Amino acid sequence: MLNDRGFTLVEILFVVSIILILVAITLPYSKPVQFHYDELIIERFLYDAHLMALQTKMKVNVILKDDSMTYSTDELSRTEFLREATFLGTYQFHYNASGNISKAGTYDFLVNGDEKSIVTQLGSGAFYIE
């Protein structure tokens, strides 16, 4: 007597072929994910400046200029250079001793020909890149 449990090879091949056809149809319409190393460096740098203000309870000045970023307190300074990104101006703001940003603003930069912006929110340490 035949065992009627499971799928036959033909049924499995039929389902796999339908899935492959759907993938082949949608593949040209999907955009590749672009990884921008410098965006991560900028985010990490600003988070570090924010944490420095919170840990030391001191004002931390941040300067974004050309292909470099600098944050400084009365006691120390740190500069980071970017590989592919360039700021479209010289931007300056600070985190106060509570970790809040001094002024809201939009700070533009180019990375691999794409214009991006850092948007800071007044009264909090929050920012995002769009």
C-alpha atoms as a PDB file:
ATOM      1  CA  MET A   1       0.000   0.000   0.000  1.00  0.00           C
ATOM      2  CA  LEU A   2       1.275   3.479  -0.887  1.00  0.00           C
ATOM      3  CA  ASN A   3       2.060   6.024   1.784  1.00  0.00           C
ATOM      4  CA  ASP A   4       0.009   9.203   1.051  1.00  0.00           C
ATOM      5  CA  ARG A   5       1.781  11.509   3.497  1.00  0.00           C
ATOM      6  CA  GLY A   6       4.043  14.378   2.293  1.00  0.00           C
ATOM      7  CA  PHE A   7       4.521  16.088  -1.041  1.00  0.00           C
ATOM      8  CA  THR A   8       5.657  14.608  -4.305  1.00  0.00           C
ATOM      9  CA  LEU A   9       8.750  15.843  -6.080  1.00  0.00           C
ATOM     10  CA  VAL A  10       6.632  17.380  -8.842  1.00  0.00           C
ATOM     11  CA  GLU A  11       4.613  19.417  -6.336  1.00  0.00           C
ATOM     12  CA  ILE A  12       7.754  20.740  -4.649  1.00  0.00           C
ATOM     13  CA  LEU A  13       9.331  21.657  -8.009  1.00  0.00           C
ATOM     14  CA  PHE A  14       6.123  23.442  -9.021  1.00  0.00           C
ATOM     15  CA  VAL A  15       6.129  25.590  -5.847  1.00  0.00           C
ATOM     16  CA  VAL A  16       9.846  26.371  -6.160  1.00  0.00           C
ATOM     17  CA  SER A  17       9.416  27.404  -9.794  1.00  0.00           C
ATOM     18  CA  ILE A  18       6.570  29.800  -8.875  1.00  0.00           C
ATOM     19  CA  ILE A  19       8.742  31.372  -6.167  1.00  0.00           C
ATOM     20  CA  LEU A  20      11.653  31.782  -8.582  1.00  0.00           C
ATOM     21  CA  ILE A  21       9.406  33.403 -11.182  1.00  0.00           C
ATOM     22  CA  LEU A  22       8.101  35.900  -8.597  1.00  0.00           C
ATOM     23  CA  VAL A  23      11.642  36.730  -7.476  1.00  0.00           C
ATOM     24  CA  ALA A  24      12.748  37.201 -11.101  1.00  0.00           C
ATOM     25  CA  ILE A  25       9.856  39.603 -11.698  1.00  0.00           C
ATOM     26  CA  THR A  26      10.468  41.738  -8.581  1.00  0.00           C
ATOM     27  CA  LEU A  27      14.285  41.758  -8.602  1.00  0.00           C
ATOM     28  CA  PRO A  28      14.739  44.579 -11.166  1.00  0.00           C
ATOM     29  CA  TYR A  29      12.487  46.857  -9.077  1.00  0.00           C
ATOM     30  CA  SER A  30      14.359  46.481  -5.800  1.00  0.00           C
ATOM     31  CA  LYS A  31      16.922  49.115  -4.876  1.00  0.00           C
ATOM     32  CA  PRO A  32      20.251  47.955  -3.515  1.00  0.00           C
ATOM     33  CA  VAL A  33      20.961  48.936   0.049  1.00  0.00           C
ATOM     34  CA  GLN A  34      23.678  51.551   0.092  1.00  0.00           C
ATOM     35  CA  PHE A  35      26.045  51.406   3.004  1.00  0.00           C
ATOM     36  CA  HIS A  36      27.670  54.709   3.849  1.00  0.00           C
ATOM     37  CA  TYR A  37      30.485  54.265   6.314  1.00  0.00           C
ATOM     38  CA  ASP A  38      30.733  57.981   7.026  1.00  0.00           C
ATOM     39  CA  GLU A  39      27.085  58.221   8.087  1.00  0.00           C
ATOM     40  CA  LEU A  40      27.790  55.677  10.802  1.00  0.00           C
ATOM     41  CA  ILE A  41      30.926  57.565  11.832  1.00  0.00           C
ATOM     42  CA  ILE A  42      28.934  60.824  12.111  1.00  0.00           C
ATOM     43  CA  GLU A  43      26.210  59.164  14.193  1.00  0.00           C
ATOM     44  CA  ARG A  44      28.725  57.507  16.491  1.00  0.00           C
ATOM     45  CA  PHE A  45      30.680  60.754  16.881  1.00  0.00           C
ATOM     46  CA  LEU A  46      27.591  62.759  17.870  1.00  0.00           C
ATOM     47  CA  TYR A  47      26.475  60.040  20.304  1.00  0.00           C
ATOM     48  CA  ASP A  48      29.981  60.113  21.832  1.00  0.00           C
ATOM     49  CA  ALA A  49      29.787  63.900  22.245  1.00  0.00           C
ATOM     50  CA  HIS A  50      26.371  63.535  23.873  1.00  0.00           C
ATOM     51  CA  LEU A  51      27.645  60.866  26.263  1.00  0.00           C
ATOM     52  CA  MET A  52      30.703  62.977  27.075  1.00  0.00           C
ATOM     53  CA  ALA A  53      28.411  65.827  28.169  1.00  0.00           C
ATOM     54  CA  LEU A  54      26.324  63.469  30.296  1.00  0.00           C
ATOM     55  CA  GLN A  55      29.297  61.749  31.930  1.00  0.00           C
ATOM     56  CA  THR A  56      31.438  64.799  32.659  1.00  0.00           C
ATOM     57  CA  LYS A  57      28.525  67.172  33.393  1.00  0.00           C
ATOM     58  CA  MET A  58      30.338  69.723  31.256  1.00  0.00           C
ATOM     59  CA  LYS A  59      29.514  71.706  28.129  1.00  0.00           C
ATOM     60  CA  VAL A  60      30.740  69.934  24.972  1.00  0.00           C
ATOM     61  CA  ASN A  61      31.315  72.081  21.865  1.00  0.00           C
ATOM     62  CA  VAL A  62      30.825  70.381  18.496  1.00  0.00           C
ATOM     63  CA  ILE A  63      32.277  71.734  15.236  1.00  0.00           C
ATOM     64  CA  LEU A  64      31.456  70.142  11.872  1.00  0.00           C
ATOM     65  CA  LYS A  65      33.691  71.497   9.120  1.00  0.00           C
ATOM     66  CA  ASP A  66      34.821  70.242   5.696  1.00  0.00           C
ATOM     67  CA  ASP A  67      35.820  66.605   6.207  1.00  0.00           C
ATOM     68  CA  SER A  68      36.308  66.729   9.980  1.00  0.00           C
ATOM     69  CA  MET A  69      34.313  66.765  13.188  1.00  0.00           C
ATOM     70  CA  THR A  70      35.607  68.006  16.524  1.00  0.00           C
ATOM     71  CA  TYR A  71      34.141  67.992  19.972  1.00  0.00           C
ATOM     72  CA  SER A  72      35.855  69.571  22.944  1.00  0.00           C
ATOM     73  CA  THR A  73      35.412  70.297  26.623  1.00  0.00           C
ATOM     74  CA  ASP A  74      37.600  72.431  28.866  1.00  0.00           C
ATOM     75  CA  GLU A  75      39.774  69.376  29.505  1.00  0.00           C
ATOM     76  CA  LEU A  76      39.948  67.399  26.266  1.00  0.00           C
ATOM     77  CA  SER A  77      39.342  67.475  22.546  1.00  0.00           C
ATOM     78  CA  ARG A  78      38.645  64.805  19.944  1.00  0.00           C
ATOM     79  CA  THR A  79      38.721  65.105  16.146  1.00  0.00           C
ATOM     80  CA  GLU A  80      37.464  62.583  13.612  1.00  0.00           C
ATOM     81  CA  PHE A  81      38.147  62.768   9.878  1.00  0.00           C
ATOM     82  CA  LEU A  82      35.694  61.456   7.293  1.00  0.00           C
ATOM     83  CA  ARG A  83      36.630  59.334   4.297  1.00  0.00           C
ATOM     84  CA  GLU A  84      33.949  60.188   1.752  1.00  0.00           C
ATOM     85  CA  ALA A  85      31.739  62.853   3.332  1.00  0.00           C
ATOM     86  CA  THR A  86      32.149  66.622   3.299  1.00  0.00           C
ATOM     87  CA  PHE A  87      30.133  69.149   5.274  1.00  0.00           C
ATOM     88  CA  LEU A  88      28.637  71.943   3.164  1.00  0.00           C
ATOM     89  CA  GLY A  89      29.591  74.626   5.636  1.00  0.00           C
ATOM     90  CA  THR A  90      31.027  75.156   9.078  1.00  0.00           C
ATOM     91  CA  TYR A  91      28.507  74.241  11.747  1.00  0.00           C
ATOM     92  CA  GLN A  92      28.818  74.718  15.474  1.00  0.00           C
ATOM     93  CA  PHE A  93      26.574  73.773  18.393  1.00  0.00           C
ATOM     94  CA  HIS A  94      27.053  72.409  21.874  1.00  0.00           C
ATOM     95  CA  TYR A  95      25.651  69.904  24.309  1.00  0.00           C
ATOM     96  CA  ASN A  96      25.103  71.424  27.741  1.00  0.00           C
ATOM     97  CA  ALA A  97      25.930  69.658  31.016  1.00  0.00           C
ATOM     98  CA  SER A  98      22.565  67.859  30.905  1.00  0.00           C
ATOM     99  CA  GLY A  99      23.248  66.470  27.420  1.00  0.00           C
ATOM    100  CA  ASN A 100      20.788  68.780  25.660  1.00  0.00           C
ATOM    101  CA  ILE A 101      21.601  70.369  22.297  1.00  0.00           C
ATOM    102  CA  SER A 102      21.962  74.166  22.384  1.00  0.00           C
ATOM    103  CA  LYS A 103      20.096  74.924  19.167  1.00  0.00           C
ATOM    104  CA  ALA A 104      17.937  73.162  16.652  1.00  0.00           C
ATOM    105  CA  GLY A 105      19.423  73.008  13.225  1.00  0.00           C
ATOM    106  CA  THR A 106      19.967  71.223   9.967  1.00  0.00           C
ATOM    107  CA  TYR A 107      23.559  70.506   9.016  1.00  0.00           C
ATOM    108  CA  ASP A 108      24.079  69.420   5.414  1.00  0.00           C
ATOM    109  CA  PHE A 109      26.815  67.164   4.102  1.00  0.00           C
ATOM    110  CA  LEU A 110      27.643  65.252   0.924  1.00  0.00           C
ATOM    111  CA  VAL A 111      28.462  61.556   0.968  1.00  0.00           C
ATOM    112  CA  ASN A 112      29.215  59.827  -2.353  1.00  0.00           C
ATOM    113  CA  GLY A 113      27.407  62.592  -4.231  1.00  0.00           C
ATOM    114  CA  ASP A 114      24.218  62.286  -2.137  1.00  0.00           C
ATOM    115  CA  GLU A 115      23.191  65.267  -0.030  1.00  0.00           C
ATOM    116  CA  LYS A 116      22.241  64.282   3.508  1.00  0.00           C
ATOM    117  CA  SER A 117      21.297  66.291   6.577  1.00  0.00           C
ATOM    118  CA  ILE A 118      21.799  65.983  10.298  1.00  0.00           C
ATOM    119  CA  VAL A 119      18.732  67.347  12.038  1.00  0.00           C
ATOM    120  CA  THR A 120      19.146  68.268  15.712  1.00  0.00           C
ATOM    121  CA  GLN A 121      16.289  68.875  18.097  1.00  0.00           C
ATOM    122  CA  LEU A 122      16.352  71.749  20.570  1.00  0.00           C
ATOM    123  CA  GLY A 123      16.231  70.876  24.237  1.00  0.00           C
ATOM    124  CA  SER A 124      17.188  67.242  23.856  1.00  0.00           C
ATOM    125  CA  GLY A 125      20.232  65.300  22.785  1.00  0.00           C
ATOM    126  CA  ALA A 126      18.273  63.823  19.891  1.00  0.00           C
ATOM    127  CA  PHE A 127      19.275  64.033  16.253  1.00  0.00           C
ATOM    128  CA  TYR A 128      18.732  62.020  13.110  1.00  0.00           C
ATOM    129  CA  ILE A 129      20.199  61.792   9.623  1.00  0.00           C
ATOM    130  CA  GLU A 130      17.916  62.087   6.617  1.00  0.00           C
END
